[in-house]
All heavy atoms as atom14 arrays in JSON, in Angstrom:
{
  "sequence": "DPAQLKVVESYVAADERLTLLVNNAGFGTMGRFHELDVDKEE",
  "atom14_mask": [
    [1, 1, 1, 1, 1, 1, 1, 1, 0, 0, 0, 0, 0, 0],
    [1, 1, 1, 1, 1, 1, 1, 0, 0, 0, 0, 0, 0, 0],
    [1, 1, 1, 1, 1, 0, 0, 0, 0, 0, 0, 0, 0, 0],
    [1, 1, 1, 1, 1, 1, 1, 1, 1, 0, 0, 0, 0, 0],
    [1, 1, 1, 1, 1, 1, 1, 1, 0, 0, 0, 0, 0, 0],
    [1, 1, 1, 1, 1, 1, 1, 1, 1, 0, 0, 0, 0, 0],
    [1, 1, 1, 1, 1, 1, 1, 0, 0, 0, 0, 0, 0, 0],
    [1, 1, 1, 1, 1, 1, 1, 0, 0, 0, 0, 0, 0, 0],
    [1, 1, 1, 1, 1, 1, 1, 1, 1, 0, 0, 0, 0, 0],
    [1, 1, 1, 1, 1, 1, 0, 0, 0, 0, 0, 0, 0, 0],
    [1, 1, 1, 1, 1, 1, 1, 1, 1, 1, 1, 1, 0, 0],
    [1, 1, 1, 1, 1, 1, 1, 0, 0, 0, 0, 0, 0, 0],
    [1, 1, 1, 1, 1, 0, 0, 0, 0, 0, 0, 0, 0, 0],
    [1, 1, 1, 1, 1, 0, 0, 0, 0, 0, 0, 0, 0, 0],
    [1, 1, 1, 1, 1, 1, 1, 1, 0, 0, 0, 0, 0, 0],
    [1, 1, 1, 1, 1, 1, 1, 1, 1, 0, 0, 0, 0, 0],
    [1, 1, 1, 1, 1, 1, 1, 1, 1, 1, 1, 0, 0, 0],
    [1, 1, 1, 1, 1, 1, 1, 1, 0, 0, 0, 0, 0, 0],
    [1, 1, 1, 1, 1, 1, 1, 0, 0, 0, 0, 0, 0, 0],
    [1, 1, 1, 1, 1, 1, 1, 1, 0, 0, 0, 0, 0, 0],
    [1, 1, 1, 1, 1, 1, 1, 1, 0, 0, 0, 0, 0, 0],
    [1, 1, 1, 1, 1, 1, 1, 0, 0, 0, 0, 0, 0, 0],
    [1, 1, 1, 1, 1, 1, 1, 1, 0, 0, 0, 0, 0, 0],
    [1, 1, 1, 1, 1, 1, 1, 1, 0, 0, 0, 0, 0, 0],
    [1, 1, 1, 1, 1, 0, 0, 0, 0, 0, 0, 0, 0, 0],
    [1, 1, 1, 1, 0, 0, 0, 0, 0, 0, 0, 0, 0, 0],
    [1, 1, 1, 1, 1, 1, 1, 1, 1, 1, 1, 0, 0, 0],
    [1, 1, 1, 1, 0, 0, 0, 0, 0, 0, 0, 0, 0, 0],
    [1, 1, 1, 1, 1, 1, 1, 0, 0, 0, 0, 0, 0, 0],
    [1, 1, 1, 1, 1, 1, 1, 1, 0, 0, 0, 0, 0, 0],
    [1, 1, 1, 1, 0, 0, 0, 0, 0, 0, 0, 0, 0, 0],
    [1, 1, 1, 1, 1, 1, 1, 1, 1, 1, 1, 0, 0, 0],
    [1, 1, 1, 1, 1, 1, 1, 1, 1, 1, 1, 0, 0, 0],
    [1, 1, 1, 1, 1, 1, 1, 1, 1, 1, 0, 0, 0, 0],
    [1, 1, 1, 1, 1, 1, 1, 1, 1, 0, 0, 0, 0, 0],
    [1, 1, 1, 1, 1, 1, 1, 1, 0, 0, 0, 0, 0, 0],
    [1, 1, 1, 1, 1, 1, 1, 1, 0, 0, 0, 0, 0, 0],
    [1, 1, 1, 1, 1, 1, 1, 0, 0, 0, 0, 0, 0, 0],
    [1, 1, 1, 1, 1, 1, 1, 1, 0, 0, 0, 0, 0, 0],
    [1, 1, 1, 1, 1, 1, 1, 1, 1, 0, 0, 0, 0, 0],
    [1, 1, 1, 1, 1, 1, 1, 1, 1, 0, 0, 0, 0, 0],
    [1, 1, 1, 1, 1, 1, 1, 1, 1, 0, 0, 0, 0, 0]
  ],
  "atom14_positions": [
    [[2.51, -6.68, -0.81], [2.32, -8.03, -1.34], [0.93, -8.16, -1.96], [-0.08, -7.94, -1.28], [2.49, -9.05, -0.21], [2.3, -10.46, -0.7], [3.26, -11.03, -1.25], [1.18, -10.99, -0.55], [0.0, 0.0, 0.0], [0.0, 0.0, 0.0], [0.0, 0.0, 0.0], [0.0, 0.0, 0.0], [0.0, 0.0, 0.0], [0.0, 0.0, 0.0]],
    [[0.83, -8.51, -3.25], [-0.48, -8.55, -3.92], [-1.49, -9.47, -3.24], [-2.68, -9.14, -3.14], [-0.14, -9.05, -5.33], [1.28, -8.65, -5.55], [1.94, -8.78, -4.21], [0.0, 0.0, 0.0], [0.0, 0.0, 0.0], [0.0, 0.0, 0.0], [0.0, 0.0, 0.0], [0.0, 0.0, 0.0], [0.0, 0.0, 0.0], [0.0, 0.0, 0.0]],
    [[-1.04, -10.63, -2.76], [-1.97, -11.57, -2.13], [-2.52, -11.0, -0.82], [-3.72, -11.12, -0.54], [-1.26, -12.9, -1.87], [0.0, 0.0, 0.0], [0.0, 0.0, 0.0], [0.0, 0.0, 0.0], [0.0, 0.0, 0.0], [0.0, 0.0, 0.0], [0.0, 0.0, 0.0], [0.0, 0.0, 0.0], [0.0, 0.0, 0.0], [0.0, 0.0, 0.0]],
    [[-1.67, -10.38, -0.02], [-2.13, -9.81, 1.24], [-3.0, -8.57, 1.0], [-3.97, -8.33, 1.73], [-0.93, -9.46, 2.12], [-0.13, -10.69, 2.55], [0.99, -10.36, 3.51], [0.78, -9.73, 4.55], [2.2, -10.8, 3.17], [0.0, 0.0, 0.0], [0.0, 0.0, 0.0], [0.0, 0.0, 0.0], [0.0, 0.0, 0.0], [0.0, 0.0, 0.0]],
    [[-2.66, -7.8, -0.01], [-3.5, -6.66, -0.37], [-4.9, -7.13, -0.77], [-5.9, -6.51, -0.4], [-2.85, -5.88, -1.51], [-3.66, -4.72, -2.1], [-4.05, -3.69, -1.05], [-2.86, -4.05, -3.24], [0.0, 0.0, 0.0], [0.0, 0.0, 0.0], [0.0, 0.0, 0.0], [0.0, 0.0, 0.0], [0.0, 0.0, 0.0], [0.0, 0.0, 0.0]],
    [[-4.98, -8.23, -1.51], [-6.28, -8.78, -1.94], [-7.14, -9.13, -0.73], [-8.37, -8.92, -0.75], [-6.06, -10.02, -2.8], [-5.73, -9.74, -4.24], [-6.98, -9.36, -5.02], [-6.7, -9.33, -6.51], [-7.91, -8.92, -7.28], [0.0, 0.0, 0.0], [0.0, 0.0, 0.0], [0.0, 0.0, 0.0], [0.0, 0.0, 0.0], [0.0, 0.0, 0.0]],
    [[-6.52, -9.66, 0.32], [-7.28, -10.01, 1.52], [-7.93, -8.77, 2.12], [-9.12, -8.78, 2.49], [-6.36, -10.69, 2.56], [-7.08, -10.85, 3.9], [-5.89, -12.04, 2.05], [0.0, 0.0, 0.0], [0.0, 0.0, 0.0], [0.0, 0.0, 0.0], [0.0, 0.0, 0.0], [0.0, 0.0, 0.0], [0.0, 0.0, 0.0], [0.0, 0.0, 0.0]],
    [[-7.17, -7.68, 2.21], [-7.71, -6.44, 2.78], [-8.77, -5.85, 1.86], [-9.8, -5.35, 2.31], [-6.58, -5.42, 3.06], [-7.15, -4.16, 3.7], [-5.52, -6.04, 3.98], [0.0, 0.0, 0.0], [0.0, 0.0, 0.0], [0.0, 0.0, 0.0], [0.0, 0.0, 0.0], [0.0, 0.0, 0.0], [0.0, 0.0, 0.0], [0.0, 0.0, 0.0]],
    [[-8.53, -5.9, 0.56], [-9.53, -5.44, -0.41], [-10.86, -6.16, -0.2], [-11.93, -5.52, -0.18], [-9.06, -5.69, -1.84], [-8.03, -4.76, -2.37], [-7.71, -5.11, -3.81], [-8.58, -4.92, -4.69], [-6.59, -5.57, -4.07], [0.0, 0.0, 0.0], [0.0, 0.0, 0.0], [0.0, 0.0, 0.0], [0.0, 0.0, 0.0], [0.0, 0.0, 0.0]],
    [[-10.8, -7.46, -0.09], [-12.02, -8.25, 0.08], [-12.74, -7.87, 1.37], [-13.98, -7.78, 1.4], [-11.69, -9.74, 0.08], [-11.13, -10.13, -1.16], [0.0, 0.0, 0.0], [0.0, 0.0, 0.0], [0.0, 0.0, 0.0], [0.0, 0.0, 0.0], [0.0, 0.0, 0.0], [0.0, 0.0, 0.0], [0.0, 0.0, 0.0], [0.0, 0.0, 0.0]],
    [[-11.97, -7.64, 2.42], [-12.55, -7.23, 3.7], [-13.27, -5.89, 3.55], [-14.41, -5.73, 3.99], [-11.45, -7.12, 4.75], [-11.94, -6.96, 6.16], [-11.82, -8.0, 7.09], [-12.53, -5.78, 6.6], [-12.27, -7.87, 8.38], [-12.99, -5.63, 7.89], [-12.86, -6.68, 8.78], [-13.32, -6.53, 10.06], [0.0, 0.0, 0.0], [0.0, 0.0, 0.0]],
    [[-12.61, -4.94, 2.9], [-13.19, -3.61, 2.71], [-14.47, -3.69, 1.88], [-15.5, -3.09, 2.21], [-12.17, -2.67, 2.03], [-12.84, -1.38, 1.56], [-11.03, -2.35, 3.0], [0.0, 0.0, 0.0], [0.0, 0.0, 0.0], [0.0, 0.0, 0.0], [0.0, 0.0, 0.0], [0.0, 0.0, 0.0], [0.0, 0.0, 0.0], [0.0, 0.0, 0.0]],
    [[-14.43, -4.42, 0.78], [-15.57, -4.51, -0.12], [-16.79, -5.14, 0.54], [-17.93, -4.8, 0.22], [-15.18, -5.3, -1.37], [0.0, 0.0, 0.0], [0.0, 0.0, 0.0], [0.0, 0.0, 0.0], [0.0, 0.0, 0.0], [0.0, 0.0, 0.0], [0.0, 0.0, 0.0], [0.0, 0.0, 0.0], [0.0, 0.0, 0.0], [0.0, 0.0, 0.0]],
    [[-16.54, -6.07, 1.49], [-17.65, -6.79, 2.12], [-18.2, -6.1, 3.36], [-19.24, -6.52, 3.88], [-17.19, -8.2, 2.49], [0.0, 0.0, 0.0], [0.0, 0.0, 0.0], [0.0, 0.0, 0.0], [0.0, 0.0, 0.0], [0.0, 0.0, 0.0], [0.0, 0.0, 0.0], [0.0, 0.0, 0.0], [0.0, 0.0, 0.0], [0.0, 0.0, 0.0]],
    [[-17.54, -5.06, 3.84], [-17.93, -4.41, 5.09], [-19.05, -3.39, 4.86], [-18.8, -2.29, 4.36], [-16.72, -3.72, 5.73], [-16.99, -3.26, 7.15], [-18.18, -3.23, 7.56], [-16.03, -2.91, 7.85], [0.0, 0.0, 0.0], [0.0, 0.0, 0.0], [0.0, 0.0, 0.0], [0.0, 0.0, 0.0], [0.0, 0.0, 0.0], [0.0, 0.0, 0.0]],
    [[-20.26, -3.76, 5.22], [-21.41, -2.88, 5.0], [-21.5, -1.75, 6.01], [-22.34, -0.85, 5.87], [-22.7, -3.71, 5.02], [-22.77, -4.75, 3.9], [-24.06, -5.53, 3.92], [-24.85, -5.35, 4.89], [-24.29, -6.32, 2.98], [0.0, 0.0, 0.0], [0.0, 0.0, 0.0], [0.0, 0.0, 0.0], [0.0, 0.0, 0.0], [0.0, 0.0, 0.0]],
    [[-20.67, -1.78, 7.03], [-20.68, -0.71, 8.04], [-19.49, 0.23, 7.89], [-19.3, 1.13, 8.7], [-20.67, -1.3, 9.44], [-22.0, -1.92, 9.89], [-21.84, -2.61, 11.22], [-21.17, -1.77, 12.2], [-20.36, -2.24, 13.15], [-20.12, -3.54, 13.23], [-19.81, -1.43, 14.01], [0.0, 0.0, 0.0], [0.0, 0.0, 0.0], [0.0, 0.0, 0.0]],
    [[-18.69, 0.04, 6.86], [-17.5, 0.87, 6.71], [-17.9, 2.3, 6.37], [-18.46, 2.57, 5.31], [-16.59, 0.31, 5.62], [-15.24, 1.03, 5.48], [-14.39, 0.84, 6.72], [-14.49, 0.52, 4.24], [0.0, 0.0, 0.0], [0.0, 0.0, 0.0], [0.0, 0.0, 0.0], [0.0, 0.0, 0.0], [0.0, 0.0, 0.0], [0.0, 0.0, 0.0]],
    [[-17.62, 3.19, 7.28], [-17.98, 4.6, 7.13], [-16.79, 5.44, 6.69], [-16.95, 6.43, 5.98], [-18.51, 5.15, 8.47], [-19.6, 4.35, 8.9], [-18.96, 6.59, 8.33], [0.0, 0.0, 0.0], [0.0, 0.0, 0.0], [0.0, 0.0, 0.0], [0.0, 0.0, 0.0], [0.0, 0.0, 0.0], [0.0, 0.0, 0.0], [0.0, 0.0, 0.0]],
    [[-15.59, 5.02, 7.1], [-14.4, 5.83, 6.82], [-13.23, 4.91, 6.5], [-12.94, 3.98, 7.24], [-14.07, 6.71, 8.03], [-12.78, 7.54, 7.95], [-12.84, 8.55, 6.81], [-12.52, 8.25, 9.28], [0.0, 0.0, 0.0], [0.0, 0.0, 0.0], [0.0, 0.0, 0.0], [0.0, 0.0, 0.0], [0.0, 0.0, 0.0], [0.0, 0.0, 0.0]],
    [[-12.55, 5.2, 5.4], [-11.31, 4.53, 5.03], [-10.2, 5.56, 5.08], [-10.28, 6.61, 4.44], [-11.41, 3.93, 3.63], [-10.11, 3.43, 3.0], [-9.53, 2.25, 3.79], [-10.33, 3.02, 1.54], [0.0, 0.0, 0.0], [0.0, 0.0, 0.0], [0.0, 0.0, 0.0], [0.0, 0.0, 0.0], [0.0, 0.0, 0.0], [0.0, 0.0, 0.0]],
    [[-9.16, 5.28, 5.86], [-7.99, 6.16, 5.93], [-6.82, 5.43, 5.28], [-6.26, 4.49, 5.86], [-7.64, 6.54, 7.38], [-6.43, 7.48, 7.39], [-8.83, 7.21, 8.07], [0.0, 0.0, 0.0], [0.0, 0.0, 0.0], [0.0, 0.0, 0.0], [0.0, 0.0, 0.0], [0.0, 0.0, 0.0], [0.0, 0.0, 0.0], [0.0, 0.0, 0.0]],
    [[-6.46, 5.85, 4.08], [-5.32, 5.28, 3.36], [-4.05, 6.02, 3.81], [-3.66, 7.03, 3.21], [-5.52, 5.43, 1.85], [-6.47, 4.41, 1.29], [-6.37, 3.21, 1.57], [-7.42, 4.87, 0.47], [0.0, 0.0, 0.0], [0.0, 0.0, 0.0], [0.0, 0.0, 0.0], [0.0, 0.0, 0.0], [0.0, 0.0, 0.0], [0.0, 0.0, 0.0]],
    [[-3.44, 5.52, 4.86], [-2.3, 6.2, 5.45], [-0.98, 5.49, 5.18], [0.08, 6.13, 5.22], [-2.51, 6.32, 6.97], [-1.26, 6.76, 7.69], [-0.84, 7.91, 7.6], [-0.64, 5.83, 8.41], [0.0, 0.0, 0.0], [0.0, 0.0, 0.0], [0.0, 0.0, 0.0], [0.0, 0.0, 0.0], [0.0, 0.0, 0.0], [0.0, 0.0, 0.0]],
    [[-1.0, 4.2, 4.91], [0.25, 3.44, 4.76], [1.1, 4.02, 3.64], [0.61, 4.35, 2.56], [-0.07, 1.98, 4.47], [0.0, 0.0, 0.0], [0.0, 0.0, 0.0], [0.0, 0.0, 0.0], [0.0, 0.0, 0.0], [0.0, 0.0, 0.0], [0.0, 0.0, 0.0], [0.0, 0.0, 0.0], [0.0, 0.0, 0.0], [0.0, 0.0, 0.0]],
    [[2.4, 4.16, 3.9], [3.31, 4.67, 2.89], [4.7, 4.84, 3.46], [4.9, 4.82, 4.67], [0.0, 0.0, 0.0], [0.0, 0.0, 0.0], [0.0, 0.0, 0.0], [0.0, 0.0, 0.0], [0.0, 0.0, 0.0], [0.0, 0.0, 0.0], [0.0, 0.0, 0.0], [0.0, 0.0, 0.0], [0.0, 0.0, 0.0], [0.0, 0.0, 0.0]],
    [[5.68, 4.98, 2.57], [7.03, 5.29, 3.02], [7.75, 6.08, 1.93], [7.27, 6.2, 0.81], [7.81, 4.02, 3.39], [8.24, 3.16, 2.22], [9.49, 3.33, 1.63], [7.41, 2.17, 1.71], [9.9, 2.54, 0.57], [7.81, 1.37, 0.65], [9.07, 1.56, 0.07], [0.0, 0.0, 0.0], [0.0, 0.0, 0.0], [0.0, 0.0, 0.0]],
    [[8.9, 6.66, 2.29], [9.67, 7.46, 1.36], [11.11, 7.01, 1.3], [11.6, 6.31, 2.19], [0.0, 0.0, 0.0], [0.0, 0.0, 0.0], [0.0, 0.0, 0.0], [0.0, 0.0, 0.0], [0.0, 0.0, 0.0], [0.0, 0.0, 0.0], [0.0, 0.0, 0.0], [0.0, 0.0, 0.0], [0.0, 0.0, 0.0], [0.0, 0.0, 0.0]],
    [[11.79, 7.4, 0.24], [13.22, 7.13, 0.09], [13.92, 8.44, -0.28], [13.32, 9.33, -0.87], [13.47, 6.1, -1.01], [12.78, 6.5, -2.21], [12.99, 4.72, -0.6], [0.0, 0.0, 0.0], [0.0, 0.0, 0.0], [0.0, 0.0, 0.0], [0.0, 0.0, 0.0], [0.0, 0.0, 0.0], [0.0, 0.0, 0.0], [0.0, 0.0, 0.0]],
    [[15.2, 8.52, 0.08], [15.99, 9.71, -0.22], [17.27, 9.31, -0.93], [17.88, 8.28, -0.6], [16.35, 10.45, 1.08], [15.21, 11.22, 1.72], [14.76, 12.71, 0.8], [16.2, 13.74, 1.07], [0.0, 0.0, 0.0], [0.0, 0.0, 0.0], [0.0, 0.0, 0.0], [0.0, 0.0, 0.0], [0.0, 0.0, 0.0], [0.0, 0.0, 0.0]],
    [[17.68, 10.13, -1.89], [18.94, 9.9, -2.6], [18.78, 10.17, -4.09], [17.69, 10.48, -4.57], [0.0, 0.0, 0.0], [0.0, 0.0, 0.0], [0.0, 0.0, 0.0], [0.0, 0.0, 0.0], [0.0, 0.0, 0.0], [0.0, 0.0, 0.0], [0.0, 0.0, 0.0], [0.0, 0.0, 0.0], [0.0, 0.0, 0.0], [0.0, 0.0, 0.0]],
    [[19.89, 10.09, -4.8], [19.84, 10.23, -6.26], [19.17, 9.0, -6.84], [19.59, 7.87, -6.55], [21.25, 10.4, -6.83], [21.94, 11.67, -6.36], [23.34, 11.78, -6.95], [24.04, 12.94, -6.43], [23.94, 14.17, -6.94], [23.16, 14.38, -8.0], [24.59, 15.18, -6.41], [0.0, 0.0, 0.0], [0.0, 0.0, 0.0], [0.0, 0.0, 0.0]],
    [[18.17, 9.21, -7.67], [17.35, 8.09, -8.14], [18.18, 6.98, -8.77], [17.93, 5.79, -8.53], [16.3, 8.6, -9.13], [15.43, 7.5, -9.69], [14.45, 6.92, -8.92], [15.64, 7.03, -10.98], [13.66, 5.89, -9.42], [14.86, 6.0, -11.49], [13.87, 5.43, -10.71], [0.0, 0.0, 0.0], [0.0, 0.0, 0.0], [0.0, 0.0, 0.0]],
    [[19.19, 7.35, -9.56], [19.97, 6.32, -10.27], [20.85, 5.5, -9.33], [21.41, 4.48, -9.74], [20.82, 6.95, -11.37], [21.97, 7.79, -10.88], [21.81, 9.09, -10.49], [23.29, 7.49, -10.7], [22.98, 9.58, -10.11], [23.88, 8.63, -10.22], [0.0, 0.0, 0.0], [0.0, 0.0, 0.0], [0.0, 0.0, 0.0], [0.0, 0.0, 0.0]],
    [[20.95, 5.92, -8.06], [21.75, 5.18, -7.09], [20.89, 4.37, -6.13], [21.42, 3.6, -5.31], [22.63, 6.15, -6.29], [23.66, 6.89, -7.15], [24.4, 7.96, -6.37], [23.95, 8.29, -5.24], [25.43, 8.45, -6.87], [0.0, 0.0, 0.0], [0.0, 0.0, 0.0], [0.0, 0.0, 0.0], [0.0, 0.0, 0.0], [0.0, 0.0, 0.0]],
    [[19.59, 4.54, -6.18], [18.69, 3.85, -5.25], [18.33, 2.45, -5.74], [18.4, 2.16, -6.94], [17.41, 4.67, -5.05], [17.6, 6.05, -4.39], [16.29, 6.83, -4.43], [18.08, 5.9, -2.96], [0.0, 0.0, 0.0], [0.0, 0.0, 0.0], [0.0, 0.0, 0.0], [0.0, 0.0, 0.0], [0.0, 0.0, 0.0], [0.0, 0.0, 0.0]],
    [[17.93, 1.59, -4.81], [17.5, 0.23, -5.12], [16.16, 0.3, -5.86], [15.15, 0.72, -5.3], [17.36, -0.55, -3.82], [16.91, -1.99, -4.02], [16.52, -2.35, -5.15], [16.94, -2.74, -3.03], [0.0, 0.0, 0.0], [0.0, 0.0, 0.0], [0.0, 0.0, 0.0], [0.0, 0.0, 0.0], [0.0, 0.0, 0.0], [0.0, 0.0, 0.0]],
    [[16.15, -0.13, -7.11], [14.95, 0.01, -7.93], [13.81, -0.86, -7.39], [12.62, -0.5, -7.53], [15.25, -0.31, -9.4], [15.52, -1.8, -9.61], [14.11, 0.16, -10.29], [0.0, 0.0, 0.0], [0.0, 0.0, 0.0], [0.0, 0.0, 0.0], [0.0, 0.0, 0.0], [0.0, 0.0, 0.0], [0.0, 0.0, 0.0], [0.0, 0.0, 0.0]],
    [[14.13, -1.99, -6.76], [13.07, -2.82, -6.19], [12.38, -2.1, -5.03], [11.15, -2.2, -4.86], [13.64, -4.16, -5.71], [14.06, -5.06, -6.86], [13.49, -4.92, -7.96], [14.99, -5.88, -6.67], [0.0, 0.0, 0.0], [0.0, 0.0, 0.0], [0.0, 0.0, 0.0], [0.0, 0.0, 0.0], [0.0, 0.0, 0.0], [0.0, 0.0, 0.0]],
    [[13.15, -1.37, -4.25], [12.55, -0.6, -3.15], [11.72, 0.55, -3.69], [10.66, 0.88, -3.15], [13.63, -0.08, -2.21], [13.06, 0.53, -0.93], [14.13, 0.82, 0.1], [13.51, 1.33, 1.39], [14.54, 1.61, 2.43], [0.0, 0.0, 0.0], [0.0, 0.0, 0.0], [0.0, 0.0, 0.0], [0.0, 0.0, 0.0], [0.0, 0.0, 0.0]],
    [[12.19, 1.16, -4.79], [11.4, 2.23, -5.42], [10.07, 1.68, -5.92], [9.03, 2.32, -5.79], [12.19, 2.87, -6.58], [13.47, 3.56, -6.17], [13.24, 4.68, -5.17], [12.72, 5.73, -5.57], [13.57, 4.49, -3.98], [0.0, 0.0, 0.0], [0.0, 0.0, 0.0], [0.0, 0.0, 0.0], [0.0, 0.0, 0.0], [0.0, 0.0, 0.0]],
    [[10.11, 0.49, -6.5], [8.87, -0.14, -6.96], [7.94, -0.43, -5.78], [6.72, -0.21, -5.86], [9.15, -1.43, -7.71], [7.89, -2.12, -8.2], [8.15, -3.43, -8.93], [9.25, -3.58, -9.49], [7.25, -4.28, -8.93], [0.0, 0.0, 0.0], [0.0, 0.0, 0.0], [0.0, 0.0, 0.0], [0.0, 0.0, 0.0], [0.0, 0.0, 0.0]]
  ]
}
């Protein structure tokens, strides 16, 4: 969600003690691309 992502961005940018950022969030999908839900792919 763009609005919720903006909140975390602002937090990260303002944190003067941030030493390490771990970008771990993610998920995958399986199947023939033309059969998958395009909104989920996005």
